[in-house]
C-alpha atoms as a PDB file:
ATOM      1  CA  ASN A   1      -0.041   0.064  -0.055  1.00  0.00           C
ATOM      2  CA  GLN A   2       0.894   3.663  -0.216  1.00  0.00           C
ATOM      3  CA  LEU A   3       2.441   3.712   3.415  1.00  0.00           C
ATOM      4  CA  GLU A   4       4.402   1.075   3.055  1.00  0.00           C
ATOM      5  CA  ASN A   5       5.819   2.551  -0.130  1.00  0.00           C
ATOM      6  CA  ALA A   6       6.526   5.367   1.366  1.00  0.00           C
ATOM      7  CA  ILE A   7       8.632   3.960   4.119  1.00  0.00           C
ATOM      8  CA  LEU A   8      10.472   1.859   1.650  1.00  0.00           C
ATOM      9  CA  ASN A   9      11.235   4.996  -0.229  1.00  0.00           C
ATOM     10  CA  LEU A  10      12.789   6.675   2.717  1.00  0.00           C
ATOM     11  CA  ALA A  11      14.570   3.584   3.513  1.00  0.00           C
ATOM     12  CA  ILE A  12      16.211   3.125   0.349  1.00  0.00           C
ATOM     13  CA  ASN A  13      17.233   7.006   0.224  1.00  0.00           C
ATOM     14  CA  ALA A  14      18.753   6.412   3.651  1.00  0.00           C
ATOM     15  CA  ARG A  15      20.678   3.548   2.728  1.00  0.00           C
ATOM     16  CA  ASP A  16      21.956   4.917  -0.545  1.00  0.00           C
ATOM     17  CA  ALA A  17      23.136   8.030   1.713  1.00  0.00           C
ATOM     18  CA  MET A  18      25.562   5.729   3.553  1.00  0.00           C
ATOM     19  CA  PRO A  19      27.539   3.953   0.840  1.00  0.00           C
ATOM     20  CA  ASP A  20      30.584   3.333   3.455  1.00  0.00           C
ATOM     21  CA  GLY A  21      27.644   1.966   5.995  1.00  0.00           C
ATOM     22  CA  GLY A  22      26.062   3.544   8.968  1.00  0.00           C
ATOM     23  CA  THR A  23      22.935   3.164  10.851  1.00  0.00           C
ATOM     24  CA  LEU A  24      19.356   3.636   9.919  1.00  0.00           C
ATOM     25  CA  THR A  25      16.714   4.268  12.268  1.00  0.00           C
ATOM     26  CA  ILE A  26      12.979   3.958  12.144  1.00  0.00           C
ATOM     27  CA  SER A  27      10.822   5.034  14.909  1.00  0.00           C
ATOM     28  CA  THR A  28       7.465   6.347  15.499  1.00  0.00           C
ATOM     29  CA  ARG A  29       5.901   8.750  17.916  1.00  0.00           C
ATOM     30  CA  LEU A  30       2.440  10.793  18.808  1.00  0.00           C
ATOM     31  CA  VAL A  31       2.827  14.565  18.321  1.00  0.00           C
ATOM     32  CA  GLU A  32       0.556  17.125  18.825  1.00  0.00           C
ATOM     33  CA  GLU A  33       0.790  20.511  15.912  1.00  0.00           C
ATOM     34  CA  PRO A  34      -0.757  23.699  16.231  1.00  0.00           C
ATOM     35  CA  ASP A  35      -2.647  24.717  13.241  1.00  0.00           C
ATOM     36  CA  GLY A  36      -0.322  25.698  10.382  1.00  0.00           C
ATOM     37  CA  PRO A  37       0.056  26.187   6.469  1.00  0.00           C
ATOM     38  CA  GLU A  38      -0.181  22.352   5.862  1.00  0.00           C
ATOM     39  CA  LEU A  39      -1.581  20.969   9.186  1.00  0.00           C
ATOM     40  CA  ASP A  40      -4.711  21.396  10.920  1.00  0.00           C
ATOM     41  CA  ALA A  41      -4.212  21.520  14.555  1.00  0.00           C
ATOM     42  CA  GLY A  42      -4.564  17.829  16.104  1.00  0.00           C
ATOM     43  CA  ASP A  43      -2.491  14.609  16.858  1.00  0.00           C
ATOM     44  CA  TYR A  44      -0.328  13.198  14.231  1.00  0.00           C
ATOM     45  CA  LEU A  45       2.046  10.109  13.970  1.00  0.00           C
ATOM     46  CA  CYS A  46       5.294  10.840  13.541  1.00  0.00           C
ATOM     47  CA  ILE A  47       7.451   7.965  11.381  1.00  0.00           C
ATOM     48  CA  ALA A  48      11.089   9.033  11.405  1.00  0.00           C
ATOM     49  CA  VAL A  49      13.655   7.601   8.940  1.00  0.00           C
ATOM     50  CA  ALA A  50      17.259   8.648  10.105  1.00  0.00           C
ATOM     51  CA  ASP A  51      20.461   8.035   8.927  1.00  0.00           C
ATOM     52  CA  THR A  52      23.966   8.860   9.446  1.00  0.00           C
ATOM     53  CA  GLY A  53      25.038   9.277   6.069  1.00  0.00           C
ATOM     54  CA  THR A  54      26.326  12.140   3.562  1.00  0.00           C
ATOM     55  CA  GLY A  55      23.337  14.362   4.435  1.00  0.00           C
ATOM     56  CA  MET A  56      22.406  17.486   2.122  1.00  0.00           C
ATOM     57  CA  SER A  57      23.498  21.192   1.766  1.00  0.00           C
ATOM     58  CA  PRO A  58      20.983  23.577   2.216  1.00  0.00           C
ATOM     59  CA  GLU A  59      20.762  24.076  -1.491  1.00  0.00           C
ATOM     60  CA  VAL A  60      19.646  20.529  -2.103  1.00  0.00           C
ATOM     61  CA  LEU A  61      17.596  20.244   0.990  1.00  0.00           C
ATOM     62  CA  ALA A  62      15.493  23.405  -0.530  1.00  0.00           C
ATOM     63  CA  ARG A  63      14.683  20.915  -3.496  1.00  0.00           C
ATOM     64  CA  ALA A  64      14.711  17.704  -2.080  1.00  0.00           C
ATOM     65  CA  THR A  65      11.096  16.959  -2.794  1.00  0.00           C
ATOM     66  CA  GLU A  66      10.915  18.595  -6.189  1.00  0.00           C
ATOM     67  CA  PRO A  67       9.662  16.033  -8.699  1.00  0.00           C
ATOM     68  CA  PHE A  68      12.580  14.793 -10.666  1.00  0.00           C
ATOM     69  CA  PHE A  69      15.000  16.280  -8.614  1.00  0.00           C
ATOM     70  CA  SER A  70      18.184  14.206  -7.615  1.00  0.00           C
ATOM     71  CA  THR A  71      21.904  14.097  -6.795  1.00  0.00           C
ATOM     72  CA  LYS A  72      22.364  10.720  -7.804  1.00  0.00           C
ATOM     73  CA  PRO A  73      24.420   9.753 -10.965  1.00  0.00           C
ATOM     74  CA  PHE A  74      22.317   9.532 -14.193  1.00  0.00           C
ATOM     75  CA  GLY A  75      20.417   6.287 -14.469  1.00  0.00           C
ATOM     76  CA  LYS A  76      20.696   5.990 -10.423  1.00  0.00           C
ATOM     77  CA  GLY A  77      17.524   7.605  -9.470  1.00  0.00           C
ATOM     78  CA  THR A  78      14.488   9.099 -11.051  1.00  0.00           C
ATOM     79  CA  GLY A  79      14.188  11.888  -8.276  1.00  0.00           C
ATOM     80  CA  LEU A  80      10.836  10.751  -7.360  1.00  0.00           C
ATOM     81  CA  GLY A  81      11.351   9.312  -3.973  1.00  0.00           C
ATOM     82  CA  LEU A  82      10.884  11.998  -1.931  1.00  0.00           C
ATOM     83  CA  ALA A  83       8.377  13.981  -4.421  1.00  0.00           C
ATOM     84  CA  GLN A  84       6.016  10.644  -3.789  1.00  0.00           C
ATOM     85  CA  VAL A  85       6.396  10.426  -0.286  1.00  0.00           C
ATOM     86  CA  TYR A  86       5.443  13.788   0.092  1.00  0.00           C
ATOM     87  CA  GLY A  87       2.397  13.752  -2.581  1.00  0.00           C
ATOM     88  CA  ILE A  88       0.916  10.399  -0.471  1.00  0.00           C
ATOM     89  CA  ALA A  89       1.359  12.780   2.700  1.00  0.00           C
ATOM     90  CA  ARG A  90      -0.371  15.739   1.608  1.00  0.00           C
ATOM     91  CA  GLN A  91      -3.234  13.473   0.008  1.00  0.00           C
ATOM     92  CA  SER A  92      -3.350  11.913   3.685  1.00  0.00           C
ATOM     93  CA  ARG A  93      -3.714  15.546   5.079  1.00  0.00           C
ATOM     94  CA  GLY A  94      -0.161  15.008   6.606  1.00  0.00           C
ATOM     95  CA  THR A  95       3.454  16.222   5.784  1.00  0.00           C
ATOM     96  CA  LEU A  96       7.117  15.870   5.383  1.00  0.00           C
ATOM     97  CA  ARG A  97       9.519  17.473   7.074  1.00  0.00           C
ATOM     98  CA  ILE A  98      13.189  16.990   6.422  1.00  0.00           C
ATOM     99  CA  GLU A  99      16.236  18.102   8.773  1.00  0.00           C
ATOM    100  CA  SER A 100      19.720  17.372   7.291  1.00  0.00           C
ATOM    101  CA  ARG A 101      23.552  18.717   7.836  1.00  0.00           C
ATOM    102  CA  GLU A 102      26.489  17.704   5.421  1.00  0.00           C
ATOM    103  CA  GLY A 103      28.941  14.966   6.754  1.00  0.00           C
ATOM    104  CA  GLU A 104      26.048  14.085   9.697  1.00  0.00           C
ATOM    105  CA  GLY A 105      23.211  12.346   8.309  1.00  0.00           C
ATOM    106  CA  THR A 106      19.469  13.281   7.662  1.00  0.00           C
ATOM    107  CA  ILE A 107      16.018  12.577   9.665  1.00  0.00           C
ATOM    108  CA  VAL A 108      13.005  12.447   7.539  1.00  0.00           C
ATOM    109  CA  GLN A 109       9.801  12.765   9.466  1.00  0.00           C
ATOM    110  CA  LEU A 110       6.516  11.934   7.774  1.00  0.00           C
ATOM    111  CA  LEU A 111       3.524  13.146   9.573  1.00  0.00           C
ATOM    112  CA  LEU A 112       0.069  11.481   9.016  1.00  0.00           C
ATOM    113  CA  PRO A 113      -3.330  12.437  10.952  1.00  0.00           C
ATOM    114  CA  ARG A 114      -3.560  10.088  13.817  1.00  0.00           C
ATOM    115  CA  VAL A 115      -7.594  10.015  13.585  1.00  0.00           C
ATOM    116  CA  LEU A 116      -9.425  10.787  10.602  1.00  0.00           C
ATOM    117  CA  PRO A 117     -13.294  11.716  11.689  1.00  0.00           C
ATOM    118  CA  GLU A 118     -16.036   9.308   9.769  1.00  0.00           C
ATOM    119  CA  THR A 119     -17.545  12.703   8.438  1.00  0.00           C
ATOM    120  CA  GLU A 120     -14.197  13.324   6.683  1.00  0.00           C
ATOM    121  CA  ALA A 121     -13.188   9.875   5.737  1.00  0.00           C
ATOM    122  CA  ALA A 122     -16.133   9.453   3.016  1.00  0.00           C
ATOM    123  CA  GLY A 123     -14.421  12.756   1.171  1.00  0.00           C
ATOM    124  CA  ALA A 124     -10.756  12.579   1.661  1.00  0.00           C
ATOM    125  CA  GLN A 125     -10.175  11.127  -1.429  1.00  0.00           C
ATOM    126  CA  GLU A 126     -12.041  14.096  -3.244  1.00  0.00           C
ATOM    127  CA  ALA A 127     -10.343  16.560  -0.835  1.00  0.00           C
ATOM    128  CA  ALA A 128      -6.910  15.129  -1.859  1.00  0.00           C
ATOM    129  CA  ARG A 129      -7.550  16.042  -5.111  1.00  0.00           C
ATOM    130  CA  ALA A 130      -8.212  19.483  -4.646  1.00  0.00           C
ATOM    131  CA  PRO A 131      -5.724  21.905  -6.473  1.00  0.00           C
ATOM    132  CA  VAL A 132      -2.255  22.819  -5.066  1.00  0.00           C
ATOM    133  CA  ALA A 133      -2.213  26.398  -5.324  1.00  0.00           C
ATOM    134  CA  ALA A 134      -2.678  27.579  -8.694  1.00  0.00           C
ATOM    135  CA  ALA A 135      -4.534  24.718 -10.197  1.00  0.00           C
ATOM    136  CA  ALA A 136      -8.234  25.349  -9.551  1.00  0.00           C
ATOM    137  CA  ALA A 137      -8.524  26.910 -13.000  1.00  0.00           C
ATOM    138  CA  GLY A 138      -9.101  23.755 -15.493  1.00  0.00           C
ATOM    139  CA  ALA A 139      -9.553  21.384 -13.171  1.00  0.00           C
ATOM    140  CA  GLY A 140     -11.377  18.356 -14.356  1.00  0.00           C
ATOM    141  CA  ALA A 141      -9.395  18.055 -18.187  1.00  0.00           C
ATOM    142  CA  HIS A 142      -9.094  15.313 -19.922  1.00  0.00           C
ATOM    143  CA  ILE A 143      -5.236  14.716 -20.232  1.00  0.00           C
ATOM    144  CA  LEU A 144      -3.579  12.420 -22.229  1.00  0.00           C
ATOM    145  CA  VAL A 145       0.256  11.513 -20.574  1.00  0.00           C
ATOM    146  CA  VAL A 146       2.924  10.143 -22.915  1.00  0.00           C
ATOM    147  CA  ASP A 147       6.195   8.655 -21.299  1.00  0.00           C
ATOM    148  CA  ASP A 148       8.198   5.583 -21.805  1.00  0.00           C
ATOM    149  CA  ASP A 149       9.395   5.260 -18.206  1.00  0.00           C
ATOM    150  CA  PRO A 150       6.774   3.868 -16.005  1.00  0.00           C
ATOM    151  CA  ASP A 151       7.708   5.216 -12.898  1.00  0.00           C
ATOM    152  CA  VAL A 152       7.548   8.877 -14.324  1.00  0.00           C
ATOM    153  CA  ARG A 153       4.510   8.225 -16.250  1.00  0.00           C
ATOM    154  CA  ALA A 154       2.876   6.742 -13.153  1.00  0.00           C
ATOM    155  CA  PHE A 155       4.091   9.936 -11.022  1.00  0.00           C
ATOM    156  CA  LEU A 156       2.353  12.327 -13.306  1.00  0.00           C
ATOM    157  CA  ALA A 157      -0.723  10.663 -13.570  1.00  0.00           C
ATOM    158  CA  ASP A 158      -0.888  10.615  -9.796  1.00  0.00           C
ATOM    159  CA  ILE A 159      -0.021  14.154  -9.709  1.00  0.00           C
ATOM    160  CA  LEU A 160      -2.474  15.411 -12.294  1.00  0.00           C
ATOM    161  CA  ALA A 161      -5.247  13.155 -10.489  1.00  0.00           C
ATOM    162  CA  MET A 162      -4.637  15.155  -7.685  1.00  0.00           C
ATOM    163  CA  LEU A 163      -4.827  18.500  -9.439  1.00  0.00           C
ATOM    164  CA  GLY A 164      -8.607  17.416 -10.424  1.00  0.00           C
ATOM    165  CA  HIS A 165      -7.975  16.118 -13.831  1.00  0.00           C
ATOM    166  CA  ARG A 166      -9.062  12.647 -15.954  1.00  0.00           C
ATOM    167  CA  ILE A 167      -5.936  11.041 -17.032  1.00  0.00           C
ATOM    168  CA  GLU A 168      -5.098   8.525 -19.624  1.00  0.00           C
ATOM    169  CA  ALA A 169      -1.445   7.525 -19.511  1.00  0.00           C
ATOM    170  CA  VAL A 170       0.221   5.548 -22.215  1.00  0.00           C
ATOM    171  CA  ALA A 171       3.825   4.223 -22.966  1.00  0.00           C
ATOM    172  CA  ASP A 172       4.485   5.282 -26.365  1.00  0.00           C
ATOM    173  CA  ALA A 173       3.831   7.062 -29.658  1.00  0.00           C
ATOM    174  CA  ASP A 174       1.538   4.416 -31.241  1.00  0.00           C
ATOM    175  CA  ALA A 175      -0.609   3.893 -28.038  1.00  0.00           C
ATOM    176  CA  ALA A 176      -0.791   8.108 -28.046  1.00  0.00           C
ATOM    177  CA  LEU A 177      -1.863   8.056 -31.734  1.00  0.00           C
ATOM    178  CA  ALA A 178      -4.387   5.194 -30.872  1.00  0.00           C
ATOM    179  CA  ALA A 179      -5.722   7.088 -28.500  1.00  0.00           C
ATOM    180  CA  LEU A 180      -5.871  10.287 -29.893  1.00  0.00           C
ATOM    181  CA  GLY A 181      -7.642   8.606 -32.973  1.00  0.00           C
ATOM    182  CA  ALA A 182     -10.550   7.397 -30.313  1.00  0.00           C
ATOM    183  CA  ALA A 183     -11.029  10.623 -28.393  1.00  0.00           C
ATOM    184  CA  ALA A 184      -9.878  13.928 -28.294  1.00  0.00           C
ATOM    185  CA  PRO A 185      -7.943  14.981 -25.041  1.00  0.00           C
ATOM    186  CA  ASP A 186      -8.068  18.642 -23.630  1.00  0.00           C
ATOM    187  CA  LEU A 187      -4.132  18.710 -23.550  1.00  0.00           C
ATOM    188  CA  ALA A 188      -1.276  16.313 -24.125  1.00  0.00           C
ATOM    189  CA  LEU A 189       1.631  16.130 -21.744  1.00  0.00           C
ATOM    190  CA  LEU A 190       4.756  14.571 -23.669  1.00  0.00           C
ATOM    191  CA  ASP A 191       8.021  13.166 -23.015  1.00  0.00           C
ATOM    192  CA  PHE A 192      10.735  14.095 -25.615  1.00  0.00           C
ATOM    193  CA  ALA A 193      13.055  11.185 -25.592  1.00  0.00           C
ATOM    194  CA  MET A 194      11.418   8.089 -26.396  1.00  0.00           C
ATOM    195  CA  PRO A 195      12.096   4.991 -28.216  1.00  0.00           C
ATOM    196  CA  GLY A 196      10.847   4.998 -31.771  1.00  0.00           C
ATOM    197  CA  MET A 197       9.095   8.153 -32.499  1.00  0.00           C
ATOM    198  CA  ASN A 198      10.518  11.050 -30.357  1.00  0.00           C
ATOM    199  CA  GLY A 199       8.262  13.658 -28.822  1.00  0.00           C
ATOM    200  CA  ALA A 200       8.750  16.326 -31.432  1.00  0.00           C
ATOM    201  CA  GLU A 201       7.575  13.734 -34.237  1.00  0.00           C
ATOM    202  CA  LEU A 202       4.887  12.606 -31.886  1.00  0.00           C
ATOM    203  CA  ALA A 203       3.545  16.469 -31.458  1.00  0.00           C
ATOM    204  CA  ARG A 204       3.587  16.858 -35.337  1.00  0.00           C
ATOM    205  CA  ALA A 205       1.441  13.618 -35.775  1.00  0.00           C
ATOM    206  CA  ALA A 206      -1.014  14.453 -32.968  1.00  0.00           C
ATOM    207  CA  ARG A 207      -1.539  17.836 -34.480  1.00  0.00           C
ATOM    208  CA  ARG A 208      -2.344  16.148 -37.767  1.00  0.00           C
ATOM    209  CA  LEU A 209      -4.971  14.229 -36.030  1.00  0.00           C
ATOM    210  CA  ARG A 210      -6.148  16.915 -33.815  1.00  0.00           C
ATOM    211  CA  PRO A 211      -5.310  20.060 -35.031  1.00  0.00           C
ATOM    212  CA  GLY A 212      -5.238  22.630 -32.273  1.00  0.00           C
ATOM    213  CA  LEU A 213      -4.478  20.253 -29.178  1.00  0.00           C
ATOM    214  CA  PRO A 214      -2.324  21.918 -26.779  1.00  0.00           C
ATOM    215  CA  ILE A 215       0.695  20.143 -25.968  1.00  0.00           C
ATOM    216  CA  ILE A 216       3.071  20.658 -23.057  1.00  0.00           C
ATOM    217  CA  PHE A 217       6.681  18.851 -23.014  1.00  0.00           C
ATOM    218  CA  VAL A 218       8.189  17.699 -19.624  1.00  0.00           C
ATOM    219  CA  THR A 219      11.463  17.068 -20.172  1.00  0.00           C
ATOM    220  CA  GLY A 220      15.387  17.947 -19.298  1.00  0.00           C
ATOM    221  CA  PHE A 221      17.093  21.091 -19.969  1.00  0.00           C
ATOM    222  CA  ALA A 222      19.278  19.483 -22.888  1.00  0.00           C
ATOM    223  CA  GLU A 223      16.290  18.082 -24.383  1.00  0.00           C
ATOM    224  CA  SER A 224      14.490  21.248 -24.043  1.00  0.00           C
ATOM    225  CA  ASP A 225      17.219  22.997 -26.446  1.00  0.00           C
ATOM    226  CA  GLN A 226      16.430  20.023 -29.230  1.00  0.00           C
ATOM    227  CA  LEU A 227      12.672  20.540 -28.772  1.00  0.00           C
ATOM    228  CA  GLU A 228      13.122  24.435 -29.390  1.00  0.00           C
ATOM    229  CA  GLY A 229      15.176  23.356 -32.577  1.00  0.00           C
ATOM    230  CA  ALA A 230      12.448  21.049 -33.530  1.00  0.00           C
ATOM    231  CA  LEU A 231       9.466  23.254 -32.936  1.00  0.00           C
ATOM    232  CA  GLY A 232      10.220  26.437 -32.434  1.00  0.00           C
ATOM    233  CA  SER A 233      10.873  28.866 -29.413  1.00  0.00           C
ATOM    234  CA  ASP A 234       7.191  28.985 -28.048  1.00  0.00           C
ATOM    235  CA  VAL A 235       6.495  25.486 -27.123  1.00  0.00           C
ATOM    236  CA  PRO A 236       5.741  24.911 -23.989  1.00  0.00           C
ATOM    237  CA  VAL A 237       8.150  23.219 -21.905  1.00  0.00           C
ATOM    238  CA  LEU A 238       8.288  22.417 -18.500  1.00  0.00           C
ATOM    239  CA  LYS A 239      11.942  21.457 -17.813  1.00  0.00           C
ATOM    240  CA  LYS A 240      12.835  18.887 -14.953  1.00  0.00           C
ATOM    241  CA  PRO A 241      13.044  19.259 -11.638  1.00  0.00           C
ATOM    242  CA  PHE A 242       9.736  21.121 -11.401  1.00  0.00           C
ATOM    243  CA  GLU A 243       7.319  22.280  -8.646  1.00  0.00           C
ATOM    244  CA  VAL A 244       3.846  21.052  -8.884  1.00  0.00           C
ATOM    245  CA  ASP A 245       2.382  24.494  -8.685  1.00  0.00           C
ATOM    246  CA  ALA A 246       4.232  25.116 -12.011  1.00  0.00           C
ATOM    247  CA  LEU A 247       3.098  22.057 -13.577  1.00  0.00           C
ATOM    248  CA  ALA A 248      -0.496  23.195 -12.314  1.00  0.00           C
ATOM    249  CA  ALA A 249      -0.155  27.011 -13.917  1.00  0.00           C
ATOM    250  CA  LEU A 250       1.174  25.698 -17.018  1.00  0.00           C
ATOM    251  CA  ILE A 251      -1.533  23.421 -17.561  1.00  0.00           C
ATOM    252  CA  ALA A 252      -4.218  25.899 -16.696  1.00  0.00           C
ATOM    253  CA  ALA A 253      -2.629  28.714 -18.902  1.00  0.00           C
ATOM    254  CA  HIS A 254      -2.495  26.155 -21.876  1.00  0.00           C
ATOM    255  CA  LEU A 255      -6.018  24.553 -21.726  1.00  0.00           C
ATOM    256  CA  PRO A 256      -8.725  25.839 -24.460  1.00  0.00           C
ATOM    257  CA  ALA A 257     -10.422  28.744 -23.244  1.00  0.00           C
ATOM    258  CA  THR A 258     -13.770  26.349 -22.722  1.00  0.00           C
ATOM    259  CA  ARG A 259     -11.976  23.927 -20.505  1.00  0.00           C
ATOM    260  CA  ALA A 260      -9.819  26.731 -18.208  1.00  0.00           C
ATOM    261  CA  SER A 261     -13.162  28.681 -17.533  1.00  0.00           C
END
């Protein structure tokens, strides 16, 4: 389940932060929290995962929960671990807190409400899908997600669902074109580097099927230069890593006027 996955993600991060060995500690306690920006006043279960590893600099710590941000070597991590855990926490009306010092280690605290009243439990899932900051405009859009990486695809689908959108997620250009032939989404979210037809080629084919289809690319810095060369400098590109609010705002800005209102 999601809680098990969250704790496993935190434990794996802690392990990876101790390449020369160290101590990984998982502890739980009950805490009382005042009313704040992310938490309502009340009792929370705090699950803490601590390591004695390399720690994080203040600059890295400030970006630790950004989707796709990673300090691991290329190919060794997606940069989704802490972002996914934070997303799980927020969907559960909790939060994630991180304390870290370079050379000393890291403590990650996952805070979850101790009790969710029955009157709120029935609507908790809908509440979790509420917009994050700028996402209210355009909620409920039908969005096609195309990415060959299953972790990235699932993450984007989860985030978009949390923002209130309806998602169709596929792995390649062939599946995307089949989906476009069957129905017209309000917007498409594309990766650039995919086997076979790349994102720019897919965008051209998609526009032939669905003229006027809004398309946003979610991709890396190097790939964004290739996109501009292929499609022009005005192509909407969300560069990894990014904040969820930035994704929400970009989607709202590029939805058709009939949807965005």
